[in-house]
N, C-alpha and C. Protein backbone atom coordinates (compact mmCIF):
# COMPACT_ATOMS: atom_id res chain seq x y z
N MET A 1 81.36 87.94 81.72
CA MET A 1 79.98 88.49 82.44
C MET A 1 78.76 88.58 81.82
N GLY A 2 78.08 87.79 82.32
CA GLY A 2 76.62 88.16 81.33
C GLY A 2 75.82 89.65 81.53
N ASN A 3 74.83 89.34 81.09
CA ASN A 3 74.36 90.60 81.57
C ASN A 3 73.39 90.35 82.36
N SER A 4 72.81 89.68 83.36
CA SER A 4 71.95 89.51 84.55
C SER A 4 73.13 89.58 85.78
N ASN A 5 74.54 89.54 85.73
CA ASN A 5 75.17 90.03 86.70
C ASN A 5 75.37 91.12 86.26
N ARG A 6 75.92 91.72 85.97
CA ARG A 6 76.06 93.38 85.44
C ARG A 6 75.11 93.65 85.81
N VAL A 7 73.55 93.82 85.71
CA VAL A 7 72.57 94.25 87.00
C VAL A 7 72.95 93.93 88.03
N LEU A 8 72.94 92.94 88.63
CA LEU A 8 72.84 92.79 90.18
C LEU A 8 74.39 94.07 90.87
N CYS A 9 75.34 94.10 89.73
CA CYS A 9 75.98 94.38 90.24
C CYS A 9 75.74 96.17 90.53
N ARG A 10 75.21 96.44 89.39
CA ARG A 10 74.61 97.89 89.61
C ARG A 10 73.57 98.18 90.24
N GLN A 11 72.60 97.46 90.55
CA GLN A 11 71.38 97.35 91.52
C GLN A 11 71.88 97.28 92.80
N SER A 12 71.58 98.30 93.89
CA SER A 12 71.24 98.41 95.00
C SER A 12 70.54 96.56 95.68
N ILE A 13 71.12 96.44 96.81
CA ILE A 13 71.03 94.94 97.43
C ILE A 13 69.74 95.33 98.58
N ALA A 14 70.17 96.52 99.62
CA ALA A 14 69.30 96.55 100.13
C ALA A 14 69.01 97.69 100.77
N CYS A 15 68.88 98.67 101.85
CA CYS A 15 68.58 99.31 102.48
C CYS A 15 70.42 99.28 103.66
N CYS A 16 71.08 100.57 104.13
CA CYS A 16 72.02 99.55 104.91
C CYS A 16 70.98 99.81 106.45
N SER A 17 71.73 98.90 106.99
CA SER A 17 70.90 99.42 108.45
C SER A 17 72.06 99.83 109.30
N PRO A 18 71.66 100.49 110.43
CA PRO A 18 73.17 100.95 111.31
C PRO A 18 73.99 100.24 111.70
N ASN A 19 73.87 98.83 111.44
CA ASN A 19 74.98 98.11 111.69
C ASN A 19 75.79 98.07 110.93
N VAL A 20 75.93 98.12 109.87
CA VAL A 20 76.48 98.52 108.10
C VAL A 20 77.74 99.99 108.99
N GLY A 21 76.91 100.82 109.42
CA GLY A 21 77.62 102.35 109.32
C GLY A 21 78.54 102.20 110.77
N ALA A 22 78.10 101.50 111.50
CA ALA A 22 79.09 101.15 113.01
C ALA A 22 79.94 100.07 112.05
N ALA A 23 79.64 99.28 111.41
CA ALA A 23 80.65 98.48 111.17
C ALA A 23 82.23 98.85 110.51
N ILE A 24 81.41 99.66 109.36
CA ILE A 24 82.51 101.05 108.91
C ILE A 24 83.05 101.88 109.56
N SER A 25 82.93 102.37 110.59
CA SER A 25 83.17 102.61 111.85
C SER A 25 83.95 102.23 112.33
N LYS A 26 83.69 101.16 112.91
CA LYS A 26 84.89 100.96 113.40
C LYS A 26 85.99 100.16 112.78
N ARG A 27 86.14 99.36 112.00
CA ARG A 27 86.93 99.53 111.05
C ARG A 27 88.05 100.72 110.53
N PHE A 28 87.28 101.56 110.44
CA PHE A 28 87.91 102.95 110.35
C PHE A 28 88.90 103.59 111.52
N ARG A 29 87.95 103.51 112.83
CA ARG A 29 89.23 103.67 113.95
C ARG A 29 89.94 102.70 114.77
N ASP A 30 89.44 101.24 114.61
CA ASP A 30 91.05 100.85 114.55
C ASP A 30 92.05 100.93 113.72
N LEU A 31 91.90 101.05 112.85
CA LEU A 31 92.87 101.72 111.82
C LEU A 31 93.42 103.07 112.40
N PHE A 32 92.66 104.28 112.61
CA PHE A 32 93.01 105.46 113.29
C PHE A 32 94.07 105.29 114.35
N GLU A 33 93.32 104.44 115.66
CA GLU A 33 93.79 104.72 116.38
C GLU A 33 95.23 104.43 116.84
N VAL A 34 95.79 103.85 115.57
CA VAL A 34 97.06 103.07 115.28
C VAL A 34 98.06 104.31 115.06
N VAL A 35 97.85 105.65 115.33
CA VAL A 35 98.82 106.81 115.07
C VAL A 35 98.89 107.14 116.97
N LEU A 36 98.34 106.94 117.29
CA LEU A 36 98.25 107.07 118.97
C LEU A 36 99.22 106.41 119.72
N ARG A 37 100.09 105.10 118.92
CA ARG A 37 100.52 104.31 119.58
C ARG A 37 102.12 104.97 120.35
N ALA A 38 102.57 104.88 121.49
CA ALA A 38 103.33 105.54 121.62
C ALA A 38 104.49 104.27 121.72
N GLY A 39 105.74 104.57 122.23
CA GLY A 39 107.10 104.08 122.84
C GLY A 39 107.85 103.60 121.56
N ARG A 40 108.15 102.27 121.66
CA ARG A 40 108.85 102.04 120.34
C ARG A 40 107.82 101.68 118.73
N PHE A 41 106.29 101.39 119.03
CA PHE A 41 105.87 101.68 117.57
C PHE A 41 106.69 102.41 116.49
N TRP A 42 106.73 103.43 116.59
CA TRP A 42 106.90 104.63 115.21
C TRP A 42 108.51 104.70 115.58
N ASP A 43 109.59 103.72 116.04
CA ASP A 43 110.69 103.79 115.93
C ASP A 43 111.53 103.68 114.48
N ARG A 44 111.09 102.82 113.50
CA ARG A 44 111.21 102.55 112.31
C ARG A 44 111.40 104.19 110.94
N LEU A 45 110.03 104.59 112.02
CA LEU A 45 109.76 105.46 111.07
C LEU A 45 110.74 106.70 110.55
N PRO A 46 110.89 107.05 109.70
CA PRO A 46 111.88 107.87 108.92
C PRO A 46 112.50 109.14 110.08
N LYS A 47 113.34 109.66 109.91
CA LYS A 47 113.08 111.40 110.74
C LYS A 47 112.55 112.05 110.26
N GLU A 48 112.61 112.46 108.99
CA GLU A 48 112.24 113.23 107.84
C GLU A 48 110.70 112.82 108.02
N ASP A 49 110.19 111.97 108.78
CA ASP A 49 108.73 111.79 108.48
C ASP A 49 108.09 111.90 109.32
N ARG A 50 108.75 112.00 110.79
CA ARG A 50 108.05 112.30 111.82
C ARG A 50 107.20 113.54 112.34
N SER A 51 107.47 114.89 111.44
CA SER A 51 106.33 115.46 111.81
C SER A 51 105.40 115.48 110.79
N LYS A 52 105.64 114.49 109.99
CA LYS A 52 104.26 113.81 109.39
C LYS A 52 103.58 112.97 110.30
N LEU A 53 103.98 112.46 111.02
CA LEU A 53 102.94 111.70 112.06
C LEU A 53 102.15 112.50 112.79
N ASP A 54 103.36 113.48 113.39
CA ASP A 54 102.75 114.78 114.42
C ASP A 54 101.78 115.49 113.56
N ARG A 55 101.37 115.73 112.41
CA ARG A 55 100.56 116.03 111.42
C ARG A 55 98.94 115.44 111.40
N VAL A 56 99.61 114.06 111.44
CA VAL A 56 98.19 112.79 111.59
C VAL A 56 98.07 112.98 112.84
N ARG A 57 98.74 112.75 113.78
CA ARG A 57 98.39 112.71 115.49
C ARG A 57 97.27 114.03 116.00
N ALA A 58 98.02 115.07 115.30
CA ALA A 58 96.57 116.51 115.43
C ALA A 58 95.39 116.43 114.59
N SER A 59 95.14 115.78 113.60
CA SER A 59 94.31 115.69 112.94
C SER A 59 93.41 114.70 113.45
N TYR A 60 93.71 113.61 114.04
CA TYR A 60 92.87 112.61 114.48
C TYR A 60 91.97 112.69 115.14
N PRO A 61 91.41 113.81 116.03
CA PRO A 61 90.22 114.63 116.88
C PRO A 61 88.76 114.78 115.94
N ASN A 62 89.86 115.30 115.02
CA ASN A 62 88.80 115.42 113.80
C ASN A 62 88.17 114.84 112.90
N TYR A 63 89.32 113.32 112.61
CA TYR A 63 89.03 112.32 111.74
C TYR A 63 87.51 111.37 113.28
N VAL A 64 87.88 111.48 114.20
CA VAL A 64 87.36 110.45 114.37
C VAL A 64 85.85 111.08 115.25
N GLY A 65 85.89 112.11 115.31
CA GLY A 65 84.70 113.39 115.17
C GLY A 65 83.48 112.87 114.05
N LEU A 66 84.07 113.01 112.74
CA LEU A 66 83.67 111.83 111.77
C LEU A 66 83.02 111.11 112.03
N LEU A 67 83.50 109.75 112.62
CA LEU A 67 82.97 108.56 112.98
C LEU A 67 81.56 108.49 113.42
N SER A 68 81.54 109.28 114.39
CA SER A 68 80.22 110.07 115.40
C SER A 68 79.28 109.07 113.87
N GLN A 69 79.10 110.40 113.02
CA GLN A 69 78.16 110.38 111.90
C GLN A 69 77.59 109.59 111.22
N ILE A 70 78.79 108.16 110.77
CA ILE A 70 78.84 107.60 109.95
C ILE A 70 77.54 106.73 109.71
N GLY A 71 77.91 106.65 111.16
CA GLY A 71 76.60 105.52 111.53
C GLY A 71 75.23 105.77 110.86
N TYR A 72 74.78 106.86 111.39
CA TYR A 72 73.56 107.65 111.06
C TYR A 72 72.98 107.80 110.09
N ILE A 73 74.25 108.18 109.27
CA ILE A 73 74.43 108.83 107.46
C ILE A 73 73.93 107.56 106.80
N LEU A 74 74.70 106.39 107.14
CA LEU A 74 75.16 105.55 106.25
C LEU A 74 73.53 104.20 106.54
N ALA A 75 72.70 104.69 107.81
CA ALA A 75 71.42 103.96 107.65
C ALA A 75 70.82 104.07 106.79
N HIS A 76 70.71 105.39 105.63
CA HIS A 76 69.98 105.59 104.74
C HIS A 76 70.13 105.44 103.38
N THR A 77 71.75 104.94 102.98
CA THR A 77 71.97 104.35 101.71
C THR A 77 72.15 102.93 101.56
N GLN A 78 72.67 102.58 100.56
CA GLN A 78 72.11 101.53 99.81
C GLN A 78 73.41 100.94 99.99
N LEU A 79 73.66 99.15 100.06
CA LEU A 79 73.89 98.42 100.23
C LEU A 79 74.42 97.72 98.88
N ALA A 80 75.59 97.47 98.40
CA ALA A 80 75.97 96.74 97.57
C ALA A 80 77.17 95.43 97.21
N LEU A 81 76.82 95.31 96.85
CA LEU A 81 79.14 94.40 96.76
C LEU A 81 79.72 95.53 96.34
N THR A 82 80.66 95.86 97.52
CA THR A 82 81.88 96.63 97.60
C THR A 82 83.45 95.78 96.91
N HIS A 83 83.96 96.53 96.57
CA HIS A 83 85.44 95.91 95.93
C HIS A 83 86.09 96.33 97.61
N GLY A 84 86.11 97.24 98.23
CA GLY A 84 87.05 97.56 99.47
C GLY A 84 88.28 98.46 99.09
N ASP A 85 88.65 97.93 97.76
CA ASP A 85 90.19 99.13 97.75
C ASP A 85 90.27 99.51 96.38
N LEU A 86 88.75 99.80 96.26
CA LEU A 86 88.91 100.55 95.06
C LEU A 86 89.69 102.16 94.34
N ALA A 87 90.90 101.86 93.64
CA ALA A 87 92.04 102.81 93.79
C ALA A 87 92.27 102.53 92.07
N GLY A 88 92.79 103.53 91.23
CA GLY A 88 93.66 103.68 90.55
C GLY A 88 93.99 102.72 89.83
N ASP A 89 94.70 101.68 90.92
CA ASP A 89 95.88 100.82 90.43
C ASP A 89 95.46 99.45 90.37
N ASN A 90 93.48 99.33 90.79
CA ASN A 90 93.32 98.01 90.77
C ASN A 90 92.60 98.17 90.06
N LEU A 91 92.42 99.44 88.91
CA LEU A 91 91.66 99.04 88.25
C LEU A 91 92.53 99.59 86.58
N MET A 92 91.67 98.22 84.97
CA MET A 92 92.95 97.90 84.35
C MET A 92 91.66 97.91 83.13
N VAL A 93 92.20 98.16 82.22
CA VAL A 93 91.67 98.12 80.91
C VAL A 93 92.05 96.89 80.14
N THR A 94 91.03 95.83 79.78
CA THR A 94 92.07 94.72 78.84
C THR A 94 92.20 95.09 77.84
N GLN A 95 92.70 94.06 76.79
CA GLN A 95 93.13 94.51 75.32
C GLN A 95 92.03 95.06 74.64
N ASP A 96 90.77 94.43 74.47
CA ASP A 96 89.37 94.81 74.05
C ASP A 96 89.14 95.93 74.54
N GLY A 97 89.39 96.69 75.36
CA GLY A 97 89.21 97.94 75.78
C GLY A 97 87.95 98.75 76.74
N ARG A 98 88.08 97.23 77.47
CA ARG A 98 87.20 96.91 78.69
C ARG A 98 87.45 96.97 80.00
N LEU A 99 86.66 97.96 81.17
CA LEU A 99 87.36 98.07 82.41
C LEU A 99 87.26 97.14 82.77
N ALA A 100 88.57 96.51 83.43
CA ALA A 100 88.18 95.52 84.31
C ALA A 100 88.61 95.76 85.83
N ILE A 101 87.99 95.21 86.82
CA ILE A 101 88.85 95.36 88.28
C ILE A 101 89.05 94.61 89.06
N ALA A 102 90.45 94.80 89.33
CA ALA A 102 91.54 93.82 89.69
C ALA A 102 91.75 93.47 91.38
N ASP A 103 92.34 92.49 92.11
CA ASP A 103 92.30 92.33 93.56
C ASP A 103 90.81 92.66 94.74
N TRP A 104 89.86 91.20 94.48
CA TRP A 104 89.13 92.07 95.08
C TRP A 104 89.04 90.96 96.45
N GLY A 105 89.96 90.58 97.03
CA GLY A 105 90.34 90.74 98.49
C GLY A 105 89.80 91.09 99.86
N ALA A 106 89.51 92.42 99.48
CA ALA A 106 88.79 93.28 100.54
C ALA A 106 87.33 93.58 100.14
N ALA A 107 86.86 92.79 99.11
CA ALA A 107 85.13 92.99 98.85
C ALA A 107 84.29 92.43 100.01
N ARG A 108 83.32 93.12 100.43
CA ARG A 108 82.30 92.66 101.17
C ARG A 108 80.94 93.31 100.56
N ILE A 109 80.49 93.10 101.23
CA ILE A 109 78.50 93.25 101.29
C ILE A 109 79.04 94.55 102.56
N SER A 110 78.56 95.91 101.73
CA SER A 110 78.72 97.52 102.70
C SER A 110 77.93 98.52 101.89
N ALA A 111 78.25 99.44 102.45
CA ALA A 111 77.41 100.70 102.05
C ALA A 111 78.00 101.09 100.85
N ALA A 112 77.08 101.02 99.48
CA ALA A 112 77.75 101.28 98.31
C ALA A 112 78.75 102.15 97.92
N LEU A 113 78.20 103.82 98.65
CA LEU A 113 79.15 104.94 98.99
C LEU A 113 80.94 104.50 98.98
N THR A 114 80.74 103.42 99.73
CA THR A 114 82.49 103.21 100.27
C THR A 114 83.53 103.05 98.81
N ASP A 115 82.94 102.34 98.09
CA ASP A 115 83.69 102.44 96.29
C ASP A 115 84.04 103.85 96.22
N VAL A 116 82.73 104.46 96.03
CA VAL A 116 83.09 105.53 95.64
C VAL A 116 83.75 106.59 95.99
N ALA A 117 83.57 106.89 97.63
CA ALA A 117 84.30 107.39 97.92
C ALA A 117 85.91 107.06 97.85
N SER A 118 86.03 105.70 98.15
CA SER A 118 87.19 105.62 97.88
C SER A 118 88.14 105.80 96.59
N LEU A 119 87.47 105.73 95.48
CA LEU A 119 87.67 105.94 94.23
C LEU A 119 87.90 107.83 93.93
N SER A 120 86.97 108.23 94.77
CA SER A 120 87.65 109.65 94.45
C SER A 120 88.53 110.41 94.92
N MET A 121 88.51 110.00 95.80
CA MET A 121 89.95 110.24 97.18
C MET A 121 90.93 110.04 96.55
N TYR A 122 91.51 108.84 96.09
CA TYR A 122 92.41 107.44 95.49
C TYR A 122 92.49 109.36 94.05
N SER A 123 91.80 109.42 93.41
CA SER A 123 91.41 109.94 91.93
C SER A 123 91.66 111.82 92.26
N ASN A 124 91.28 112.15 93.51
CA ASN A 124 91.97 113.72 93.83
C ASN A 124 91.19 114.38 93.05
N TRP A 125 89.37 113.88 93.40
CA TRP A 125 88.10 114.36 92.81
C TRP A 125 87.58 115.49 93.54
N SER A 126 87.38 116.51 92.89
CA SER A 126 86.79 118.12 93.94
C SER A 126 85.51 117.24 94.38
N GLU A 127 84.53 118.11 95.24
CA GLU A 127 83.26 118.05 95.60
C GLU A 127 82.90 117.67 94.41
N ASP A 128 82.43 119.14 93.56
CA ASP A 128 81.54 118.62 92.52
C ASP A 128 81.71 117.36 91.71
N GLU A 129 82.50 117.50 91.26
CA GLU A 129 83.01 116.01 90.54
C GLU A 129 82.67 114.60 91.18
N ARG A 130 82.58 114.76 92.69
CA ARG A 130 81.59 113.43 93.19
C ARG A 130 80.63 113.68 92.95
N ARG A 131 79.87 115.07 93.15
CA ARG A 131 78.03 114.85 92.64
C ARG A 131 77.79 114.12 91.29
N GLN A 132 79.29 115.21 90.83
CA GLN A 132 79.00 114.65 89.30
C GLN A 132 78.48 112.63 88.72
N PHE A 133 79.68 112.62 89.04
CA PHE A 133 79.58 110.98 89.77
C PHE A 133 78.55 110.51 90.23
N TYR A 134 77.83 110.64 91.13
CA TYR A 134 76.78 110.47 92.07
C TYR A 134 75.67 110.21 90.83
N GLY A 135 75.27 111.07 90.60
CA GLY A 135 74.31 111.60 89.77
C GLY A 135 74.36 110.34 88.75
N LEU A 136 75.65 110.43 88.55
CA LEU A 136 76.00 108.72 86.75
C LEU A 136 75.89 108.07 87.22
N TYR A 137 76.42 107.21 88.74
CA TYR A 137 76.19 106.09 88.52
C TYR A 137 75.30 105.65 89.90
N PHE A 138 74.35 106.52 90.82
CA PHE A 138 73.47 106.01 91.57
C PHE A 138 72.23 106.34 91.17
N ARG A 139 71.26 105.38 91.60
CA ARG A 139 69.65 105.99 91.00
C ARG A 139 69.42 106.41 92.91
N ASP A 140 68.22 107.51 92.80
CA ASP A 140 68.16 107.70 94.28
C ASP A 140 66.87 108.06 93.86
N PRO A 141 66.08 107.19 94.46
CA PRO A 141 64.19 107.08 94.32
C PRO A 141 64.01 107.44 95.48
N SER A 142 64.80 107.18 96.69
CA SER A 142 64.44 107.58 98.30
C SER A 142 64.62 108.92 98.29
N GLY A 143 64.72 109.67 97.77
CA GLY A 143 64.88 111.22 97.94
C GLY A 143 65.82 111.86 98.97
N THR A 144 66.73 111.03 99.37
CA THR A 144 67.76 111.57 100.21
C THR A 144 69.60 112.05 99.76
N ARG A 145 68.80 112.49 98.49
CA ARG A 145 70.22 113.09 97.78
C ARG A 145 71.12 113.50 98.95
N GLU A 146 70.92 114.66 98.95
CA GLU A 146 71.83 115.75 99.89
C GLU A 146 72.21 114.79 101.05
N GLN A 147 71.69 114.29 101.81
CA GLN A 147 71.82 113.13 102.86
C GLN A 147 73.38 112.41 102.68
N THR A 148 72.75 111.44 101.56
CA THR A 148 73.64 110.77 100.81
C THR A 148 74.92 111.59 100.38
N LEU A 149 75.05 112.58 99.60
CA LEU A 149 75.94 113.80 99.43
C LEU A 149 76.77 113.23 100.31
N ARG A 150 76.05 113.60 101.51
CA ARG A 150 77.04 114.08 102.80
C ARG A 150 77.71 113.41 103.18
N GLY A 151 77.07 111.71 103.36
CA GLY A 151 77.95 110.70 103.58
C GLY A 151 79.39 110.43 102.38
N LEU A 152 79.13 110.71 101.16
CA LEU A 152 79.78 110.70 100.31
C LEU A 152 80.49 111.46 100.36
N GLU A 153 80.26 112.58 100.86
CA GLU A 153 81.62 113.84 101.90
C GLU A 153 82.68 113.39 102.48
N VAL A 154 81.19 112.75 103.70
CA VAL A 154 82.27 112.25 105.30
C VAL A 154 83.46 111.13 104.70
N LEU A 155 82.66 109.89 103.87
CA LEU A 155 83.70 108.73 103.47
C LEU A 155 84.66 109.48 103.02
N SER A 156 84.43 110.17 102.14
CA SER A 156 85.62 111.18 101.45
C SER A 156 86.91 111.34 102.29
N ARG A 157 86.81 112.16 102.99
CA ARG A 157 87.39 112.69 104.29
C ARG A 157 87.96 111.41 105.11
N LEU A 158 87.27 110.68 105.24
CA LEU A 158 87.64 109.48 106.30
C LEU A 158 88.77 108.61 105.28
N TYR A 159 88.58 108.12 104.10
CA TYR A 159 89.80 107.65 103.71
C TYR A 159 90.87 108.31 102.96
N ARG A 160 90.74 109.78 102.93
CA ARG A 160 91.97 110.51 103.09
C ARG A 160 92.60 110.41 104.57
N TYR A 161 92.18 110.67 105.18
CA TYR A 161 92.88 109.89 106.48
C TYR A 161 93.62 108.79 106.74
N ARG A 162 92.58 107.83 105.99
CA ARG A 162 93.12 106.20 106.43
C ARG A 162 94.03 105.83 105.57
N SER A 163 94.19 107.12 104.17
CA SER A 163 95.27 106.89 103.50
C SER A 163 96.89 107.69 103.87
N CYS A 164 96.15 108.44 105.10
CA CYS A 164 97.40 109.21 105.59
C CYS A 164 98.68 108.77 106.71
N VAL A 165 97.66 107.88 107.16
CA VAL A 165 97.68 106.14 108.52
C VAL A 165 97.94 105.41 107.73
N GLN A 166 97.65 104.60 107.00
CA GLN A 166 97.97 103.42 106.34
C GLN A 166 99.73 103.87 105.62
N SER A 167 99.71 105.13 105.15
CA SER A 167 101.15 105.56 104.04
C SER A 167 102.13 105.82 105.51
N LEU A 168 101.90 106.20 106.58
CA LEU A 168 103.06 105.88 107.63
C LEU A 168 103.19 104.57 107.99
N LEU A 169 102.42 103.96 107.92
CA LEU A 169 102.37 102.39 108.40
C LEU A 169 103.30 101.58 107.59
N TRP A 170 103.22 102.21 106.03
CA TRP A 170 104.28 101.49 105.41
C TRP A 170 105.19 102.40 105.43
N LEU A 171 105.56 103.74 105.78
CA LEU A 171 107.24 104.18 105.62
C LEU A 171 107.79 103.19 106.97
N ASN A 172 106.86 102.99 108.13
CA ASN A 172 107.41 102.57 109.43
C ASN A 172 107.76 101.30 109.34
N GLU A 173 107.15 100.29 108.72
CA GLU A 173 107.22 99.03 108.37
C GLU A 173 108.54 98.76 107.23
N GLU A 174 108.58 99.69 106.66
CA GLU A 174 109.75 99.63 105.76
C GLU A 174 110.74 100.48 105.28
N SER A 175 110.44 101.21 106.40
CA SER A 175 111.38 102.51 106.44
C SER A 175 111.36 103.61 104.55
N GLU A 176 112.55 103.95 104.14
CA GLU A 176 112.73 104.46 103.45
C GLU A 176 112.00 103.38 102.06
N GLY A 177 111.77 102.33 101.60
CA GLY A 177 111.17 101.40 100.85
C GLY A 177 109.52 101.02 100.80
N GLY A 178 108.98 102.21 101.77
CA GLY A 178 107.47 101.75 101.83
C GLY A 178 106.79 102.25 101.56
N LEU A 179 106.95 103.26 100.68
CA LEU A 179 106.59 103.66 99.55
C LEU A 179 107.08 104.53 98.50
N ASP A 180 106.65 103.99 96.89
CA ASP A 180 107.53 104.65 95.84
C ASP A 180 107.06 106.45 95.78
N GLY A 181 107.85 106.62 94.65
CA GLY A 181 107.65 108.24 94.45
C GLY A 181 106.23 108.53 94.21
N ILE A 182 105.55 107.36 93.64
CA ILE A 182 104.50 107.77 93.27
C ILE A 182 103.46 107.77 94.51
N GLY A 183 103.56 106.65 94.87
CA GLY A 183 103.08 107.16 96.79
C GLY A 183 103.00 107.85 97.64
N ARG A 184 104.78 108.29 97.61
CA ARG A 184 105.11 109.64 98.58
C ARG A 184 104.44 110.66 97.89
N ALA A 185 104.16 111.00 96.78
CA ALA A 185 103.30 112.21 96.02
C ALA A 185 102.08 111.82 96.45
N HIS A 186 101.51 110.99 96.43
CA HIS A 186 99.94 110.89 97.14
C HIS A 186 99.74 110.83 98.72
N PHE A 187 100.64 110.60 99.27
CA PHE A 187 100.98 111.15 100.64
C PHE A 187 101.01 112.38 101.11
N GLU A 188 101.57 113.01 100.16
CA GLU A 188 101.95 114.48 100.35
C GLU A 188 100.57 115.51 99.91
N ARG A 189 100.07 114.64 98.98
CA ARG A 189 98.82 115.35 98.91
C ARG A 189 97.50 115.41 99.44
N GLN A 190 97.83 114.10 100.30
CA GLN A 190 96.41 113.96 100.68
C GLN A 190 96.67 114.50 102.63
N LEU A 191 97.82 114.51 103.02
CA LEU A 191 98.61 115.18 104.28
C LEU A 191 97.93 116.35 103.97
N SER A 192 98.72 117.42 102.64
CA SER A 192 98.36 118.77 103.07
C SER A 192 96.70 118.84 102.84
N ALA A 193 95.36 118.22 102.40
CA ALA A 193 94.71 118.38 102.63
C ALA A 193 93.55 117.51 103.46
N LEU A 194 94.82 117.37 104.57
CA LEU A 194 93.81 117.04 106.33
C LEU A 194 93.53 118.49 106.93
């Protein structure tokens, strides 16, 4: 990657519009609503995981309530090329010690905070660690730092709920084979933080 490409990746493309926040909100909402499905949809979910589904369902109103805030919050953040699924298993180190990011299948122009929120949730960063990363990674010439940090916190919480819903779907689709030990431990950690 040439120097000009590195600069483009780190610079914001433009300010977000309310439509970006609405699109992000819709993607989350569409996935979140899966937990409300009744009938035979959750029949393959292992019995020992049914209480986890109940817990995620009980948390649904809280997280849907956060979606109503995200459009407004993201109207004032920056757009960037985002990975869309930034997590530890998509970060690699090359033989010469450089960081490489794999699996760009969900990449899109979106709110720059989405990748930070996703990575911070998967890495189990504290609020202080997210703030430190924000200070190192983002430039905030607009003076909206506190609002942007609030957006990062809301997005991190939404990614936590998304992770729980996705884990339940994997367990439902593949029963016991849906999550390995690391995936189960991650699911349990995110579930306990709901």
